[in-house]
Protein backbone atom coordinates (compact mmCIF):
# COMPACT_ATOMS: atom_id res chain seq x y z
CA UNK A 1 0.00 0.00 0.00
CA UNK A 2 1.30 3.44 -0.91
CA UNK A 3 0.93 5.50 2.25
CA UNK A 4 1.42 8.72 0.30
CA UNK A 5 -2.03 8.09 -1.22
CA UNK A 6 -3.81 8.07 2.15
CA UNK A 7 -5.65 11.22 3.17
CA UNK A 8 -5.58 11.95 6.90
CA UNK A 9 -7.96 14.22 8.79
CA UNK A 10 -7.85 14.98 12.52
CA UNK A 11 -9.98 16.74 15.04
CA UNK A 12 -8.55 17.55 18.46
CA UNK A 13 -10.96 18.00 21.34
CA UNK A 14 -9.84 18.14 24.99
CA UNK A 15 -6.46 16.64 24.06
CA UNK A 16 -7.95 13.63 22.26
CA UNK A 17 -7.13 13.30 18.59
CA UNK A 18 -9.86 11.74 16.44
CA UNK A 19 -8.40 10.56 13.17
CA UNK A 20 -9.92 9.52 9.84
CA UNK A 21 -7.88 7.89 7.09
CA UNK A 22 -9.35 7.79 3.58
CA UNK A 23 -8.08 5.23 1.08
CA UNK A 24 -9.23 4.44 -2.42
CA UNK A 25 -11.14 1.16 -2.25
CA UNK A 26 -9.27 -0.03 -5.33
CA UNK A 27 -5.93 0.47 -3.60
CA UNK A 28 -7.22 -1.14 -0.40
CA UNK A 29 -8.34 -4.22 -2.36
CA UNK A 30 -4.83 -4.67 -3.77
CA UNK A 31 -3.74 -5.85 -0.29
CA UNK A 32 -6.93 -6.91 1.49
CA UNK A 33 -9.96 -8.96 0.44
CA UNK A 34 -12.47 -7.83 3.05
CA UNK A 35 -13.22 -4.89 5.31
CA UNK A 36 -12.60 -5.62 8.97
CA UNK A 37 -11.26 -3.83 12.03
CA UNK A 38 -8.17 -6.05 12.30
CA UNK A 39 -7.06 -4.98 8.82
CA UNK A 40 -7.89 -1.38 9.70
CA UNK A 41 -5.71 -1.64 12.81
CA UNK A 42 -2.82 -2.98 10.74
CA UNK A 43 -3.12 -0.19 8.18
CA UNK A 44 -3.40 2.47 10.88
CA UNK A 45 -0.34 1.22 12.76
CA UNK A 46 1.69 1.08 9.54
CA UNK A 47 0.48 4.59 8.60
CA UNK A 48 1.48 6.01 11.99
CA UNK A 49 4.87 4.32 11.75
CA UNK A 50 5.37 5.67 8.22
CA UNK A 51 4.61 9.18 9.50
CA UNK A 52 6.88 8.79 12.55
CA UNK A 53 3.84 9.32 14.77
CA UNK A 54 4.05 7.64 18.19
CA UNK A 55 0.38 8.07 19.13
CA UNK A 56 -1.53 5.08 20.43
CA UNK A 57 -4.73 4.25 18.52
CA UNK A 58 -7.94 3.02 20.15
CA UNK A 59 -11.53 2.55 19.01
CA UNK A 60 -10.45 1.58 15.49
CA UNK A 61 -13.27 1.03 13.01
CA UNK A 62 -13.49 0.66 9.25
CA UNK A 63 -16.21 1.75 6.87
CA UNK A 64 -16.63 1.25 3.13
CA UNK A 65 -18.41 4.04 1.27
CA UNK A 66 -19.84 2.18 -1.70
CA UNK A 67 -21.15 5.32 -3.41
CA UNK A 68 -17.73 7.04 -3.45
CA UNK A 69 -15.57 3.86 -3.55
CA UNK A 70 -13.62 5.02 -0.47
CA UNK A 71 -12.50 3.11 2.61
CA UNK A 72 -12.44 5.13 5.82
CA UNK A 73 -10.65 4.13 8.99
CA UNK A 74 -11.70 5.91 12.18
CA UNK A 75 -9.70 5.93 15.42
CA UNK A 76 -8.87 7.89 18.54
CA UNK A 77 -5.16 8.64 18.98
CA UNK A 78 -3.70 9.14 22.46
CA UNK A 79 -0.46 11.01 23.17
CA UNK A 80 -0.36 12.19 26.78
CA UNK A 81 1.77 10.04 29.03
CA UNK A 82 3.09 7.91 26.16
CA UNK A 83 6.45 6.29 26.05
CA UNK A 84 7.73 5.79 22.53
CA UNK A 85 5.44 3.34 20.76
CA UNK A 86 6.94 0.10 19.50
CA UNK A 87 5.18 -1.04 16.36
CA UNK A 88 4.51 -4.63 15.45
CA UNK A 89 4.23 -5.76 11.86
C-alpha atoms as a PDB file:
ATOM      1  CA  UNK A   1       0.000   0.000   0.000  1.00  0.00           C
ATOM      2  CA  UNK A   2       1.296   3.438  -0.910  1.00  0.00           C
ATOM      3  CA  UNK A   3       0.934   5.499   2.254  1.00  0.00           C
ATOM      4  CA  UNK A   4       1.423   8.725   0.305  1.00  0.00           C
ATOM      5  CA  UNK A   5      -2.026   8.092  -1.224  1.00  0.00           C
ATOM      6  CA  UNK A   6      -3.811   8.069   2.149  1.00  0.00           C
ATOM      7  CA  UNK A   7      -5.653  11.216   3.169  1.00  0.00           C
ATOM      8  CA  UNK A   8      -5.585  11.947   6.895  1.00  0.00           C
ATOM      9  CA  UNK A   9      -7.959  14.222   8.793  1.00  0.00           C
ATOM     10  CA  UNK A  10      -7.848  14.979  12.518  1.00  0.00           C
ATOM     11  CA  UNK A  11      -9.983  16.742  15.035  1.00  0.00           C
ATOM     12  CA  UNK A  12      -8.547  17.546  18.459  1.00  0.00           C
ATOM     13  CA  UNK A  13     -10.963  17.999  21.339  1.00  0.00           C
ATOM     14  CA  UNK A  14      -9.844  18.139  24.989  1.00  0.00           C
ATOM     15  CA  UNK A  15      -6.462  16.643  24.065  1.00  0.00           C
ATOM     16  CA  UNK A  16      -7.952  13.632  22.258  1.00  0.00           C
ATOM     17  CA  UNK A  17      -7.132  13.303  18.586  1.00  0.00           C
ATOM     18  CA  UNK A  18      -9.858  11.745  16.440  1.00  0.00           C
ATOM     19  CA  UNK A  19      -8.396  10.559  13.165  1.00  0.00           C
ATOM     20  CA  UNK A  20      -9.918   9.515   9.837  1.00  0.00           C
ATOM     21  CA  UNK A  21      -7.881   7.892   7.093  1.00  0.00           C
ATOM     22  CA  UNK A  22      -9.345   7.792   3.584  1.00  0.00           C
ATOM     23  CA  UNK A  23      -8.078   5.230   1.079  1.00  0.00           C
ATOM     24  CA  UNK A  24      -9.229   4.444  -2.421  1.00  0.00           C
ATOM     25  CA  UNK A  25     -11.145   1.164  -2.250  1.00  0.00           C
ATOM     26  CA  UNK A  26      -9.272  -0.031  -5.334  1.00  0.00           C
ATOM     27  CA  UNK A  27      -5.927   0.474  -3.595  1.00  0.00           C
ATOM     28  CA  UNK A  28      -7.225  -1.143  -0.402  1.00  0.00           C
ATOM     29  CA  UNK A  29      -8.338  -4.225  -2.360  1.00  0.00           C
ATOM     30  CA  UNK A  30      -4.827  -4.669  -3.765  1.00  0.00           C
ATOM     31  CA  UNK A  31      -3.736  -5.847  -0.285  1.00  0.00           C
ATOM     32  CA  UNK A  32      -6.928  -6.915   1.494  1.00  0.00           C
ATOM     33  CA  UNK A  33      -9.959  -8.961   0.441  1.00  0.00           C
ATOM     34  CA  UNK A  34     -12.469  -7.828   3.055  1.00  0.00           C
ATOM     35  CA  UNK A  35     -13.224  -4.888   5.309  1.00  0.00           C
ATOM     36  CA  UNK A  36     -12.597  -5.620   8.972  1.00  0.00           C
ATOM     37  CA  UNK A  37     -11.264  -3.829  12.033  1.00  0.00           C
ATOM     38  CA  UNK A  38      -8.168  -6.050  12.297  1.00  0.00           C
ATOM     39  CA  UNK A  39      -7.055  -4.981   8.821  1.00  0.00           C
ATOM     40  CA  UNK A  40      -7.892  -1.379   9.703  1.00  0.00           C
ATOM     41  CA  UNK A  41      -5.715  -1.643  12.813  1.00  0.00           C
ATOM     42  CA  UNK A  42      -2.824  -2.982  10.743  1.00  0.00           C
ATOM     43  CA  UNK A  43      -3.123  -0.187   8.180  1.00  0.00           C
ATOM     44  CA  UNK A  44      -3.399   2.467  10.878  1.00  0.00           C
ATOM     45  CA  UNK A  45      -0.343   1.217  12.764  1.00  0.00           C
ATOM     46  CA  UNK A  46       1.686   1.084   9.543  1.00  0.00           C
ATOM     47  CA  UNK A  47       0.476   4.590   8.601  1.00  0.00           C
ATOM     48  CA  UNK A  48       1.482   6.009  11.992  1.00  0.00           C
ATOM     49  CA  UNK A  49       4.870   4.322  11.752  1.00  0.00           C
ATOM     50  CA  UNK A  50       5.369   5.665   8.217  1.00  0.00           C
ATOM     51  CA  UNK A  51       4.609   9.183   9.499  1.00  0.00           C
ATOM     52  CA  UNK A  52       6.881   8.786  12.548  1.00  0.00           C
ATOM     53  CA  UNK A  53       3.840   9.325  14.774  1.00  0.00           C
ATOM     54  CA  UNK A  54       4.047   7.642  18.191  1.00  0.00           C
ATOM     55  CA  UNK A  55       0.379   8.071  19.126  1.00  0.00           C
ATOM     56  CA  UNK A  56      -1.527   5.079  20.429  1.00  0.00           C
ATOM     57  CA  UNK A  57      -4.732   4.247  18.524  1.00  0.00           C
ATOM     58  CA  UNK A  58      -7.940   3.018  20.153  1.00  0.00           C
ATOM     59  CA  UNK A  59     -11.535   2.549  19.014  1.00  0.00           C
ATOM     60  CA  UNK A  60     -10.446   1.575  15.491  1.00  0.00           C
ATOM     61  CA  UNK A  61     -13.267   1.034  13.012  1.00  0.00           C
ATOM     62  CA  UNK A  62     -13.486   0.657   9.245  1.00  0.00           C
ATOM     63  CA  UNK A  63     -16.214   1.753   6.867  1.00  0.00           C
ATOM     64  CA  UNK A  64     -16.625   1.254   3.132  1.00  0.00           C
ATOM     65  CA  UNK A  65     -18.410   4.044   1.274  1.00  0.00           C
ATOM     66  CA  UNK A  66     -19.840   2.180  -1.701  1.00  0.00           C
ATOM     67  CA  UNK A  67     -21.147   5.324  -3.413  1.00  0.00           C
ATOM     68  CA  UNK A  68     -17.731   7.039  -3.451  1.00  0.00           C
ATOM     69  CA  UNK A  69     -15.575   3.863  -3.545  1.00  0.00           C
ATOM     70  CA  UNK A  70     -13.623   5.018  -0.469  1.00  0.00           C
ATOM     71  CA  UNK A  71     -12.496   3.108   2.609  1.00  0.00           C
ATOM     72  CA  UNK A  72     -12.438   5.132   5.820  1.00  0.00           C
ATOM     73  CA  UNK A  73     -10.649   4.132   8.991  1.00  0.00           C
ATOM     74  CA  UNK A  74     -11.700   5.915  12.180  1.00  0.00           C
ATOM     75  CA  UNK A  75      -9.697   5.935  15.423  1.00  0.00           C
ATOM     76  CA  UNK A  76      -8.866   7.895  18.538  1.00  0.00           C
ATOM     77  CA  UNK A  77      -5.156   8.638  18.978  1.00  0.00           C
ATOM     78  CA  UNK A  78      -3.697   9.140  22.462  1.00  0.00           C
ATOM     79  CA  UNK A  79      -0.457  11.013  23.172  1.00  0.00           C
ATOM     80  CA  UNK A  80      -0.362  12.191  26.783  1.00  0.00           C
ATOM     81  CA  UNK A  81       1.774  10.040  29.033  1.00  0.00           C
ATOM     82  CA  UNK A  82       3.093   7.907  26.165  1.00  0.00           C
ATOM     83  CA  UNK A  83       6.447   6.294  26.048  1.00  0.00           C
ATOM     84  CA  UNK A  84       7.728   5.792  22.525  1.00  0.00           C
ATOM     85  CA  UNK A  85       5.437   3.344  20.757  1.00  0.00           C
ATOM     86  CA  UNK A  86       6.943   0.103  19.501  1.00  0.00           C
ATOM     87  CA  UNK A  87       5.176  -1.043  16.356  1.00  0.00           C
ATOM     88  CA  UNK A  88       4.514  -4.627  15.452  1.00  0.00           C
ATOM     89  CA  UNK A  89       4.233  -5.755  11.856  1.00  0.00           C
END
